[in-house]
Amino acid sequence: MKILLAIEEAAGIQTLKAVHQSEHEVVAVLTASSGEADNKRGATVAAVAQNLGYDVWPAKRVKDPALAQLMQEKAVDILLNVHSLYIIHKEVVAAPKVGAFNLHPGPLPYYAGMNAPSWAILNGEQQHGVTLHWMEAGIDTGHIAYQARFDLKDTDTGLSVSTQCVRLGLDLIRQLLSTSPEAIPRLEQDFGKRHYYGFEVPFGGKLDWSKDALNLERFIRASDFYPLPSPWGTPKTCLEGKELGILKASLSGQEAQAAAGTIKKEGDRVWVATATEWLELKKLMFEGKPVSPADFFRGGEQLVSPE
């Protein structure tokens, strides 16, 4: 089959390599990345595609209905969308002979929209999933082709869950590519169970130490994509008017008998008091750089929520 890829990030690179190694033909690669390496993330989708000899088109072309005509001229069978954030024009979605498919890092219909791995952690889910679904005009509304579920651990982060979604998602893509078009499943979603998450950041990205420690710890883990940038940013607190990010923290199980936000330090370990228990601080972000809590605090300071 002839496949047009709209892909970004590491997941897109892995998808490209998987399709390249298959019997199918890559028509072109749509990406917002450049052909030069990213200093923070390494090789880009565009660079890998060019090295493999594929044409690279601007990702924003998916918004242009003229792309549909080009797809028909090139006899595209499948449009595969992986981590590309442009809303694809309905005529482009309808253009492939077999169909358009999107890899979504969440179990549809329960987690539609943005940042599903992070929301699952914040909501205290015991399981998460990844879905390969048929695309249609609505966002994440198409029939489900394939889905995989996996258990979550209480140490999982936004990055670790996203990575697991990519790993299992690649298996779903391989399953799609090895299935004859007429046999690809079409399971209708139950929209009564649908929850859509937008671009909003929980709690405005701020930490309120007068809240429950478990919810604070989940928010920090859900936001943790370190060393990559987090879609929610780093959860913020303030010390003496200076903003401070909390990259990593863990529950202590010890009741906090101090005012919320109070810092306790013993040796090289640091905790902050919450409404329920001491939360151990593991890694901070200050002025754009990671910092050890033991090097930053002396003990007895008071953290407050940013204005």
C-alpha atoms as a PDB file:
ATOM      1  CA  MET A   1       0.000   0.000   0.000  1.00  0.00           C
ATOM      2  CA  LYS A   2       0.992   3.630  -0.492  1.00  0.00           C
ATOM      3  CA  ILE A   3       1.204   5.482   2.812  1.00  0.00           C
ATOM      4  CA  LEU A   4       1.382   9.204   3.538  1.00  0.00           C
ATOM      5  CA  LEU A   5       2.781  10.001   6.986  1.00  0.00           C
ATOM      6  CA  ALA A   6       1.928  13.056   9.115  1.00  0.00           C
ATOM      7  CA  ILE A   7       4.313  12.549  12.021  1.00  0.00           C
ATOM      8  CA  GLU A   8       6.280  14.347  14.735  1.00  0.00           C
ATOM      9  CA  GLU A   9       8.634  13.639  17.631  1.00  0.00           C
ATOM     10  CA  ALA A  10      10.342  10.374  18.536  1.00  0.00           C
ATOM     11  CA  ALA A  11       7.077   8.494  18.011  1.00  0.00           C
ATOM     12  CA  GLY A  12       6.980   9.773  14.451  1.00  0.00           C
ATOM     13  CA  ILE A  13      10.557   8.707  13.783  1.00  0.00           C
ATOM     14  CA  GLN A  14       9.855   5.207  15.072  1.00  0.00           C
ATOM     15  CA  THR A  15       6.692   5.048  12.956  1.00  0.00           C
ATOM     16  CA  LEU A  16       8.649   6.113   9.876  1.00  0.00           C
ATOM     17  CA  LYS A  17      11.267   3.432  10.478  1.00  0.00           C
ATOM     18  CA  ALA A  18       8.584   0.779  11.000  1.00  0.00           C
ATOM     19  CA  VAL A  19       6.845   1.657   7.724  1.00  0.00           C
ATOM     20  CA  HIS A  20      10.200   1.893   5.935  1.00  0.00           C
ATOM     21  CA  GLN A  21      11.025  -1.659   7.033  1.00  0.00           C
ATOM     22  CA  SER A  22       7.642  -2.946   5.853  1.00  0.00           C
ATOM     23  CA  GLU A  23       6.547  -3.939   2.360  1.00  0.00           C
ATOM     24  CA  HIS A  24       4.632  -0.688   1.963  1.00  0.00           C
ATOM     25  CA  GLU A  25       5.603   2.478   0.072  1.00  0.00           C
ATOM     26  CA  VAL A  26       6.030   5.841   1.808  1.00  0.00           C
ATOM     27  CA  VAL A  27       4.628   8.523  -0.503  1.00  0.00           C
ATOM     28  CA  ALA A  28       5.956  11.446   1.562  1.00  0.00           C
ATOM     29  CA  VAL A  29       6.395  12.667   5.125  1.00  0.00           C
ATOM     30  CA  LEU A  30       4.511  15.673   6.477  1.00  0.00           C
ATOM     31  CA  THR A  31       6.322  17.240   9.432  1.00  0.00           C
ATOM     32  CA  ALA A  32       6.858  20.592  11.128  1.00  0.00           C
ATOM     33  CA  SER A  33      10.465  19.705  11.955  1.00  0.00           C
ATOM     34  CA  SER A  34      13.490  20.901  10.019  1.00  0.00           C
ATOM     35  CA  GLY A  35      16.166  18.814   8.346  1.00  0.00           C
ATOM     36  CA  GLU A  36      18.722  19.816  10.975  1.00  0.00           C
ATOM     37  CA  ALA A  37      19.308  17.986  14.255  1.00  0.00           C
ATOM     38  CA  ASP A  38      17.708  19.400  17.408  1.00  0.00           C
ATOM     39  CA  ASN A  39      20.334  19.983  20.099  1.00  0.00           C
ATOM     40  CA  LYS A  40      17.961  18.829  22.834  1.00  0.00           C
ATOM     41  CA  ARG A  41      16.138  15.983  21.094  1.00  0.00           C
ATOM     42  CA  GLY A  42      18.625  14.750  18.513  1.00  0.00           C
ATOM     43  CA  ALA A  43      17.542  13.691  15.033  1.00  0.00           C
ATOM     44  CA  THR A  44      14.363  15.256  13.646  1.00  0.00           C
ATOM     45  CA  VAL A  45      11.618  13.567  11.643  1.00  0.00           C
ATOM     46  CA  ALA A  46      12.607  15.593   8.576  1.00  0.00           C
ATOM     47  CA  ALA A  47      16.277  14.629   8.868  1.00  0.00           C
ATOM     48  CA  VAL A  48      15.493  10.923   9.216  1.00  0.00           C
ATOM     49  CA  ALA A  49      13.023  11.043   6.306  1.00  0.00           C
ATOM     50  CA  GLN A  50      15.533  12.784   4.054  1.00  0.00           C
ATOM     51  CA  ASN A  51      18.257  10.307   4.995  1.00  0.00           C
ATOM     52  CA  LEU A  52      15.897   7.497   3.986  1.00  0.00           C
ATOM     53  CA  GLY A  53      15.258   9.209   0.658  1.00  0.00           C
ATOM     54  CA  TYR A  54      11.672  10.371   1.209  1.00  0.00           C
ATOM     55  CA  ASP A  55      10.051  13.639   0.181  1.00  0.00           C
ATOM     56  CA  VAL A  56       9.328  15.959   3.113  1.00  0.00           C
ATOM     57  CA  TRP A  57       6.318  18.288   2.999  1.00  0.00           C
ATOM     58  CA  PRO A  58       5.318  21.031   5.488  1.00  0.00           C
ATOM     59  CA  ALA A  59       2.982  19.657   8.148  1.00  0.00           C
ATOM     60  CA  LYS A  60       0.545  22.547   7.745  1.00  0.00           C
ATOM     61  CA  ARG A  61      -0.413  21.258   4.288  1.00  0.00           C
ATOM     62  CA  VAL A  62      -2.873  18.894   6.006  1.00  0.00           C
ATOM     63  CA  LYS A  63      -5.086  21.964   6.562  1.00  0.00           C
ATOM     64  CA  ASP A  64      -5.248  22.667   2.818  1.00  0.00           C
ATOM     65  CA  PRO A  65      -7.948  20.817   0.838  1.00  0.00           C
ATOM     66  CA  ALA A  66      -5.633  20.986  -2.196  1.00  0.00           C
ATOM     67  CA  LEU A  67      -3.593  18.220  -0.566  1.00  0.00           C
ATOM     68  CA  ALA A  68      -6.544  15.871  -1.091  1.00  0.00           C
ATOM     69  CA  GLN A  69      -6.231  16.210  -4.869  1.00  0.00           C
ATOM     70  CA  LEU A  70      -2.493  15.492  -4.715  1.00  0.00           C
ATOM     71  CA  MET A  71      -3.146  12.424  -2.553  1.00  0.00           C
ATOM     72  CA  GLN A  72      -5.612  11.114  -5.106  1.00  0.00           C
ATOM     73  CA  GLU A  73      -3.132  11.708  -7.922  1.00  0.00           C
ATOM     74  CA  LYS A  74      -0.502   9.751  -6.017  1.00  0.00           C
ATOM     75  CA  ALA A  75      -3.040   7.011  -5.183  1.00  0.00           C
ATOM     76  CA  VAL A  76      -2.484   7.221  -1.420  1.00  0.00           C
ATOM     77  CA  ASP A  77      -4.053   4.243   0.342  1.00  0.00           C
ATOM     78  CA  ILE A  78      -3.515   5.283   3.968  1.00  0.00           C
ATOM     79  CA  LEU A  79      -2.859   8.557   5.770  1.00  0.00           C
ATOM     80  CA  LEU A  80      -1.200   7.824   9.113  1.00  0.00           C
ATOM     81  CA  ASN A  81      -1.136  10.605  11.717  1.00  0.00           C
ATOM     82  CA  VAL A  82       1.215  10.218  14.705  1.00  0.00           C
ATOM     83  CA  HIS A  83       1.651  13.119  17.157  1.00  0.00           C
ATOM     84  CA  SER A  84       0.960  15.764  14.499  1.00  0.00           C
ATOM     85  CA  LEU A  85      -1.111  18.513  16.098  1.00  0.00           C
ATOM     86  CA  TYR A  86      -2.622  20.195  13.044  1.00  0.00           C
ATOM     87  CA  ILE A  87      -6.349  19.740  12.505  1.00  0.00           C
ATOM     88  CA  ILE A  88      -6.528  17.836   9.220  1.00  0.00           C
ATOM     89  CA  HIS A  89      -8.974  19.157   6.610  1.00  0.00           C
ATOM     90  CA  LYS A  90     -11.986  16.898   6.127  1.00  0.00           C
ATOM     91  CA  GLU A  91     -11.237  16.496   2.407  1.00  0.00           C
ATOM     92  CA  VAL A  92      -7.709  15.333   3.246  1.00  0.00           C
ATOM     93  CA  VAL A  93      -9.110  12.840   5.763  1.00  0.00           C
ATOM     94  CA  ALA A  94     -11.459  11.477   3.095  1.00  0.00           C
ATOM     95  CA  ALA A  95      -8.844  11.300   0.315  1.00  0.00           C
ATOM     96  CA  PRO A  96      -7.015   7.978   1.025  1.00  0.00           C
ATOM     97  CA  LYS A  97      -8.430   4.918  -0.721  1.00  0.00           C
ATOM     98  CA  VAL A  98      -8.428   2.818   2.470  1.00  0.00           C
ATOM     99  CA  GLY A  99      -8.668   5.505   5.131  1.00  0.00           C
ATOM    100  CA  ALA A 100      -6.929   7.908   7.501  1.00  0.00           C
ATOM    101  CA  PHE A 101      -5.736   6.702  10.909  1.00  0.00           C
ATOM    102  CA  ASN A 102      -4.545   8.483  14.050  1.00  0.00           C
ATOM    103  CA  LEU A 103      -2.437   7.055  16.866  1.00  0.00           C
ATOM    104  CA  HIS A 104      -3.859   8.497  20.085  1.00  0.00           C
ATOM    105  CA  PRO A 105      -1.975   8.091  23.414  1.00  0.00           C
ATOM    106  CA  GLY A 106      -5.072   7.268  25.416  1.00  0.00           C
ATOM    107  CA  PRO A 107      -7.885   4.724  25.714  1.00  0.00           C
ATOM    108  CA  LEU A 108     -10.762   6.094  23.665  1.00  0.00           C
ATOM    109  CA  PRO A 109     -13.445   7.133  24.331  1.00  0.00           C
ATOM    110  CA  TYR A 110     -12.406   7.787  27.954  1.00  0.00           C
ATOM    111  CA  TYR A 111      -9.376  10.005  27.285  1.00  0.00           C
ATOM    112  CA  ALA A 112      -9.840  12.066  24.123  1.00  0.00           C
ATOM    113  CA  GLY A 113      -7.958  15.259  23.336  1.00  0.00           C
ATOM    114  CA  MET A 114      -4.665  16.493  24.703  1.00  0.00           C
ATOM    115  CA  ASN A 115      -2.072  15.077  27.119  1.00  0.00           C
ATOM    116  CA  ALA A 116      -3.987  11.909  27.946  1.00  0.00           C
ATOM    117  CA  PRO A 117      -1.028  10.190  29.724  1.00  0.00           C
ATOM    118  CA  SER A 118      -0.663  13.109  32.130  1.00  0.00           C
ATOM    119  CA  TRP A 119      -4.392  13.327  32.844  1.00  0.00           C
ATOM    120  CA  ALA A 120      -4.504   9.597  33.566  1.00  0.00           C
ATOM    121  CA  ILE A 121      -1.775   9.957  36.209  1.00  0.00           C
ATOM    122  CA  LEU A 122      -3.418  13.020  37.746  1.00  0.00           C
ATOM    123  CA  ASN A 123      -6.764  11.219  37.912  1.00  0.00           C
ATOM    124  CA  GLY A 124      -5.196   8.254  39.721  1.00  0.00           C
ATOM    125  CA  GLU A 125      -6.003   5.708  37.014  1.00  0.00           C
ATOM    126  CA  GLN A 126      -4.789   2.146  37.511  1.00  0.00           C
ATOM    127  CA  GLN A 127      -4.689   1.512  33.763  1.00  0.00           C
ATOM    128  CA  HIS A 128      -4.076   3.493  30.607  1.00  0.00           C
ATOM    129  CA  GLY A 129      -4.065   2.669  26.914  1.00  0.00           C
ATOM    130  CA  VAL A 130      -3.267   3.659  23.366  1.00  0.00           C
ATOM    131  CA  THR A 131      -5.693   3.685  20.442  1.00  0.00           C
ATOM    132  CA  LEU A 132      -5.284   3.525  16.682  1.00  0.00           C
ATOM    133  CA  HIS A 133      -8.521   4.886  15.259  1.00  0.00           C
ATOM    134  CA  TRP A 134     -10.080   5.797  11.944  1.00  0.00           C
ATOM    135  CA  MET A 135     -10.074   9.553  11.445  1.00  0.00           C
ATOM    136  CA  GLU A 136     -13.106  11.683  10.705  1.00  0.00           C
ATOM    137  CA  ALA A 137     -13.954  15.381  10.999  1.00  0.00           C
ATOM    138  CA  GLY A 138     -14.245  15.372  14.820  1.00  0.00           C
ATOM    139  CA  ILE A 139     -11.222  15.151  17.124  1.00  0.00           C
ATOM    140  CA  ASP A 140     -10.634  11.560  18.302  1.00  0.00           C
ATOM    141  CA  THR A 141     -14.190  10.594  17.332  1.00  0.00           C
ATOM    142  CA  GLY A 142     -13.582   7.957  14.655  1.00  0.00           C
ATOM    143  CA  HIS A 143     -14.158   4.229  14.970  1.00  0.00           C
ATOM    144  CA  ILE A 144     -11.503   2.265  16.847  1.00  0.00           C
ATOM    145  CA  ALA A 145      -9.303   0.007  14.740  1.00  0.00           C
ATOM    146  CA  TYR A 146      -6.987  -1.298  17.464  1.00  0.00           C
ATOM    147  CA  GLN A 147      -6.397  -0.583  21.140  1.00  0.00           C
ATOM    148  CA  ALA A 148      -3.936  -1.791  23.784  1.00  0.00           C
ATOM    149  CA  ARG A 149      -4.149  -1.394  27.562  1.00  0.00           C
ATOM    150  CA  PHE A 150      -1.445  -1.484  30.221  1.00  0.00           C
ATOM    151  CA  ASP A 151      -1.195  -1.114  33.995  1.00  0.00           C
ATOM    152  CA  LEU A 152       0.095   2.071  35.597  1.00  0.00           C
ATOM    153  CA  LYS A 153       2.555   2.123  38.499  1.00  0.00           C
ATOM    154  CA  ASP A 154       2.511   4.676  41.302  1.00  0.00           C
ATOM    155  CA  THR A 155       5.955   5.804  40.147  1.00  0.00           C
ATOM    156  CA  ASP A 156       4.958   6.441  36.526  1.00  0.00           C
ATOM    157  CA  THR A 157       5.568   9.883  35.046  1.00  0.00           C
ATOM    158  CA  GLY A 158       4.116  11.699  32.077  1.00  0.00           C
ATOM    159  CA  LEU A 159       7.197  10.656  30.116  1.00  0.00           C
ATOM    160  CA  SER A 160       7.149   6.981  31.124  1.00  0.00           C
ATOM    161  CA  VAL A 161       3.454   6.579  30.274  1.00  0.00           C
ATOM    162  CA  SER A 162       3.891   8.413  26.967  1.00  0.00           C
ATOM    163  CA  THR A 163       6.841   6.158  26.137  1.00  0.00           C
ATOM    164  CA  GLN A 164       4.749   3.072  26.843  1.00  0.00           C
ATOM    165  CA  CYS A 165       2.000   4.449  24.587  1.00  0.00           C
ATOM    166  CA  VAL A 166       4.522   4.813  21.767  1.00  0.00           C
ATOM    167  CA  ARG A 167       5.922   1.316  22.271  1.00  0.00           C
ATOM    168  CA  LEU A 168       2.514  -0.354  22.233  1.00  0.00           C
ATOM    169  CA  GLY A 169       1.251   2.041  19.573  1.00  0.00           C
ATOM    170  CA  LEU A 170       3.943   0.880  17.169  1.00  0.00           C
ATOM    171  CA  ASP A 171       2.636  -2.665  17.603  1.00  0.00           C
ATOM    172  CA  LEU A 172      -0.836  -1.406  16.646  1.00  0.00           C
ATOM    173  CA  ILE A 173       0.571   0.308  13.555  1.00  0.00           C
ATOM    174  CA  ARG A 174       2.364  -2.887  12.524  1.00  0.00           C
ATOM    175  CA  GLN A 175      -0.904  -4.758  13.038  1.00  0.00           C
ATOM    176  CA  LEU A 176      -2.692  -2.255  10.787  1.00  0.00           C
ATOM    177  CA  LEU A 177      -0.067  -2.577   8.065  1.00  0.00           C
ATOM    178  CA  SER A 178      -0.221  -6.370   8.128  1.00  0.00           C
ATOM    179  CA  THR A 179      -4.025  -6.501   7.823  1.00  0.00           C
ATOM    180  CA  SER A 180      -5.843  -6.533   4.506  1.00  0.00           C
ATOM    181  CA  PRO A 181      -7.881  -3.316   4.122  1.00  0.00           C
ATOM    182  CA  GLU A 182     -11.268  -5.032   4.191  1.00  0.00           C
ATOM    183  CA  ALA A 183     -10.391  -6.752   7.489  1.00  0.00           C
ATOM    184  CA  ILE A 184      -9.391  -3.635   9.474  1.00  0.00           C
ATOM    185  CA  PRO A 185     -11.782  -3.399  12.463  1.00  0.00           C
ATOM    186  CA  ARG A 186     -14.258  -0.546  12.909  1.00  0.00           C
ATOM    187  CA  LEU A 187     -15.473  -0.467  16.510  1.00  0.00           C
ATOM    188  CA  GLU A 188     -17.874   2.365  17.255  1.00  0.00           C
ATOM    189  CA  GLN A 189     -17.051   4.530  20.274  1.00  0.00           C
ATOM    190  CA  ASP A 190     -19.529   4.946  23.130  1.00  0.00           C
ATOM    191  CA  PHE A 191     -19.660   8.734  23.357  1.00  0.00           C
ATOM    192  CA  GLY A 192     -21.588   8.511  26.608  1.00  0.00           C
ATOM    193  CA  LYS A 193     -18.249   7.544  28.163  1.00  0.00           C
ATOM    194  CA  ARG A 194     -16.202  10.172  26.325  1.00  0.00           C
ATOM    195  CA  HIS A 195     -14.178  12.784  28.179  1.00  0.00           C
ATOM    196  CA  TYR A 196     -12.344  15.417  26.154  1.00  0.00           C
ATOM    197  CA  TYR A 197      -9.292  17.194  27.578  1.00  0.00           C
ATOM    198  CA  GLY A 198      -8.103  20.442  26.027  1.00  0.00           C
ATOM    199  CA  PHE A 199      -4.906  22.458  26.317  1.00  0.00           C
ATOM    200  CA  GLU A 200      -5.662  23.673  29.843  1.00  0.00           C
ATOM    201  CA  VAL A 201      -3.013  23.108  32.536  1.00  0.00           C
ATOM    202  CA  PRO A 202      -4.405  21.780  35.848  1.00  0.00           C
ATOM    203  CA  PHE A 203      -4.376  24.240  38.742  1.00  0.00           C
ATOM    204  CA  GLY A 204      -2.861  26.858  36.460  1.00  0.00           C
ATOM    205  CA  GLY A 205       0.440  25.017  36.792  1.00  0.00           C
ATOM    206  CA  LYS A 206       0.727  26.092  40.447  1.00  0.00           C
ATOM    207  CA  LEU A 207       1.324  24.021  43.586  1.00  0.00           C
ATOM    208  CA  ASP A 208      -0.904  24.769  46.581  1.00  0.00           C
ATOM    209  CA  TRP A 209       0.710  23.146  49.622  1.00  0.00           C
ATOM    210  CA  SER A 210      -2.539  23.389  51.599  1.00  0.00           C
ATOM    211  CA  LYS A 211      -3.875  20.590  49.392  1.00  0.00           C
ATOM    212  CA  ASP A 212      -3.680  16.806  49.782  1.00  0.00           C
ATOM    213  CA  ALA A 213      -0.145  15.386  49.316  1.00  0.00           C
ATOM    214  CA  LEU A 214      -1.324  12.585  47.030  1.00  0.00           C
ATOM    215  CA  ASN A 215      -2.882  14.988  44.535  1.00  0.00           C
ATOM    216  CA  LEU A 216       0.201  17.210  44.603  1.00  0.00           C
ATOM    217  CA  GLU A 217       2.494  14.233  44.036  1.00  0.00           C
ATOM    218  CA  ARG A 218       0.343  13.008  41.148  1.00  0.00           C
ATOM    219  CA  PHE A 219       0.395  16.452  39.543  1.00  0.00           C
ATOM    220  CA  ILE A 220       4.193  16.584  39.769  1.00  0.00           C
ATOM    221  CA  ARG A 221       4.543  13.088  38.258  1.00  0.00           C
ATOM    222  CA  ALA A 222       1.979  13.845  35.556  1.00  0.00           C
ATOM    223  CA  SER A 223       3.987  16.934  34.566  1.00  0.00           C
ATOM    224  CA  ASP A 224       7.332  15.113  34.645  1.00  0.00           C
ATOM    225  CA  PHE A 225       8.832  14.672  31.173  1.00  0.00           C
ATOM    226  CA  TYR A 226      12.368  15.449  32.345  1.00  0.00           C
ATOM    227  CA  PRO A 227      14.776  15.929  30.611  1.00  0.00           C
ATOM    228  CA  LEU A 228      12.299  16.749  27.798  1.00  0.00           C
ATOM    229  CA  PRO A 229      10.001  19.796  27.972  1.00  0.00           C
ATOM    230  CA  SER A 230       6.674  19.136  29.670  1.00  0.00           C
ATOM    231  CA  PRO A 231       3.444  20.091  27.861  1.00  0.00           C
ATOM    232  CA  TRP A 232       2.196  21.369  31.225  1.00  0.00           C
ATOM    233  CA  GLY A 233       5.463  23.020  32.190  1.00  0.00           C
ATOM    234  CA  THR A 234       7.064  22.376  35.581  1.00  0.00           C
ATOM    235  CA  PRO A 235       4.673  22.780  38.558  1.00  0.00           C
ATOM    236  CA  LYS A 236       5.485  26.095  40.228  1.00  0.00           C
ATOM    237  CA  THR A 237       5.906  27.319  43.780  1.00  0.00           C
ATOM    238  CA  CYS A 238       7.498  30.466  45.255  1.00  0.00           C
ATOM    239  CA  LEU A 239      10.209  31.134  47.825  1.00  0.00           C
ATOM    240  CA  GLU A 240      10.676  34.708  48.980  1.00  0.00           C
ATOM    241  CA  GLY A 241       9.218  36.036  45.749  1.00  0.00           C
ATOM    242  CA  LYS A 242      11.292  33.812  43.481  1.00  0.00           C
ATOM    243  CA  GLU A 243       9.586  31.183  41.315  1.00  0.00           C
ATOM    244  CA  LEU A 244      10.743  27.614  41.701  1.00  0.00           C
ATOM    245  CA  GLY A 245       9.735  24.480  39.786  1.00  0.00           C
ATOM    246  CA  ILE A 246       9.307  21.040  41.350  1.00  0.00           C
ATOM    247  CA  LEU A 247      10.491  18.381  38.894  1.00  0.00           C
ATOM    248  CA  LYS A 248      10.302  15.300  41.103  1.00  0.00           C
ATOM    249  CA  ALA A 249       8.816  14.472  44.503  1.00  0.00           C
ATOM    250  CA  SER A 250       7.583  11.437  46.440  1.00  0.00           C
ATOM    251  CA  LEU A 251       5.186  10.643  49.259  1.00  0.00           C
ATOM    252  CA  SER A 252       6.693  10.070  52.701  1.00  0.00           C
ATOM    253  CA  GLY A 253       3.749   8.509  54.530  1.00  0.00           C
ATOM    254  CA  GLN A 254       4.589  10.745  57.518  1.00  0.00           C
ATOM    255  CA  GLU A 255       1.969  13.150  58.819  1.00  0.00           C
ATOM    256  CA  ALA A 256       3.012  16.780  58.472  1.00  0.00           C
ATOM    257  CA  GLN A 257       2.590  18.647  61.745  1.00  0.00           C
ATOM    258  CA  ALA A 258       3.700  21.986  60.383  1.00  0.00           C
ATOM    259  CA  ALA A 259       2.213  24.852  58.397  1.00  0.00           C
ATOM    260  CA  ALA A 260       1.614  24.029  54.737  1.00  0.00           C
ATOM    261  CA  GLY A 261       4.667  24.913  52.655  1.00  0.00           C
ATOM    262  CA  THR A 262       7.173  24.572  55.511  1.00  0.00           C
ATOM    263  CA  ILE A 263      10.526  23.095  54.486  1.00  0.00           C
ATOM    264  CA  LYS A 264      12.155  20.399  56.627  1.00  0.00           C
ATOM    265  CA  LYS A 265      15.742  19.315  55.996  1.00  0.00           C
ATOM    266  CA  GLU A 266      17.659  16.390  57.476  1.00  0.00           C
ATOM    267  CA  GLY A 267      21.083  15.745  55.986  1.00  0.00           C
ATOM    268  CA  ASP A 268      20.717  15.653  52.210  1.00  0.00           C
ATOM    269  CA  ARG A 269      16.948  15.021  52.287  1.00  0.00           C
ATOM    270  CA  VAL A 270      14.302  17.730  52.019  1.00  0.00           C
ATOM    271  CA  TRP A 271      10.540  17.662  52.599  1.00  0.00           C
ATOM    272  CA  VAL A 272       7.709  20.168  52.287  1.00  0.00           C
ATOM    273  CA  ALA A 273       4.606  20.133  54.496  1.00  0.00           C
ATOM    274  CA  THR A 274       1.227  19.617  52.835  1.00  0.00           C
ATOM    275  CA  ALA A 275      -2.289  19.344  54.253  1.00  0.00           C
ATOM    276  CA  THR A 276      -1.821  15.633  54.885  1.00  0.00           C
ATOM    277  CA  GLU A 277       1.837  14.549  54.972  1.00  0.00           C
ATOM    278  CA  TRP A 278       5.412  15.526  54.261  1.00  0.00           C
ATOM    279  CA  LEU A 279       6.238  15.417  50.557  1.00  0.00           C
ATOM    280  CA  GLU A 280       9.888  14.667  49.819  1.00  0.00           C
ATOM    281  CA  LEU A 281      11.406  16.929  47.178  1.00  0.00           C
ATOM    282  CA  LYS A 282      13.761  15.089  44.817  1.00  0.00           C
ATOM    283  CA  LYS A 283      14.640  17.555  42.040  1.00  0.00           C
ATOM    284  CA  LEU A 284      13.988  21.243  41.481  1.00  0.00           C
ATOM    285  CA  MET A 285      14.150  23.634  38.545  1.00  0.00           C
ATOM    286  CA  PHE A 286      15.457  27.129  39.268  1.00  0.00           C
ATOM    287  CA  GLU A 287      16.254  29.759  36.654  1.00  0.00           C
ATOM    288  CA  GLY A 288      16.036  27.133  33.916  1.00  0.00           C
ATOM    289  CA  LYS A 289      18.451  24.669  35.513  1.00  0.00           C
ATOM    290  CA  PRO A 290      17.904  21.458  37.535  1.00  0.00           C
ATOM    291  CA  VAL A 291      18.900  21.864  41.180  1.00  0.00           C
ATOM    292  CA  SER A 292      19.291  19.483  44.117  1.00  0.00           C
ATOM    293  CA  PRO A 293      16.872  20.335  46.961  1.00  0.00           C
ATOM    294  CA  ALA A 294      19.654  19.721  49.517  1.00  0.00           C
ATOM    295  CA  ASP A 295      21.798  22.355  47.813  1.00  0.00           C
ATOM    296  CA  PHE A 296      18.941  24.834  47.573  1.00  0.00           C
ATOM    297  CA  PHE A 297      17.254  24.725  50.989  1.00  0.00           C
ATOM    298  CA  ARG A 298      18.637  25.176  54.498  1.00  0.00           C
ATOM    299  CA  GLY A 299      15.422  24.136  56.289  1.00  0.00           C
ATOM    300  CA  GLY A 300      12.675  26.227  57.856  1.00  0.00           C
ATOM    301  CA  GLU A 301      11.788  28.180  54.701  1.00  0.00           C
ATOM    302  CA  GLN A 302       8.180  28.711  53.671  1.00  0.00           C
ATOM    303  CA  LEU A 303       6.980  27.916  50.146  1.00  0.00           C
ATOM    304  CA  VAL A 304       3.861  29.644  48.843  1.00  0.00           C
ATOM    305  CA  SER A 305       1.754  29.346  45.706  1.00  0.00           C
ATOM    306  CA  PRO A 306       2.643  31.840  42.936  1.00  0.00           C
ATOM    307  CA  GLU A 307       0.290  34.789  42.491  1.00  0.00           C
END
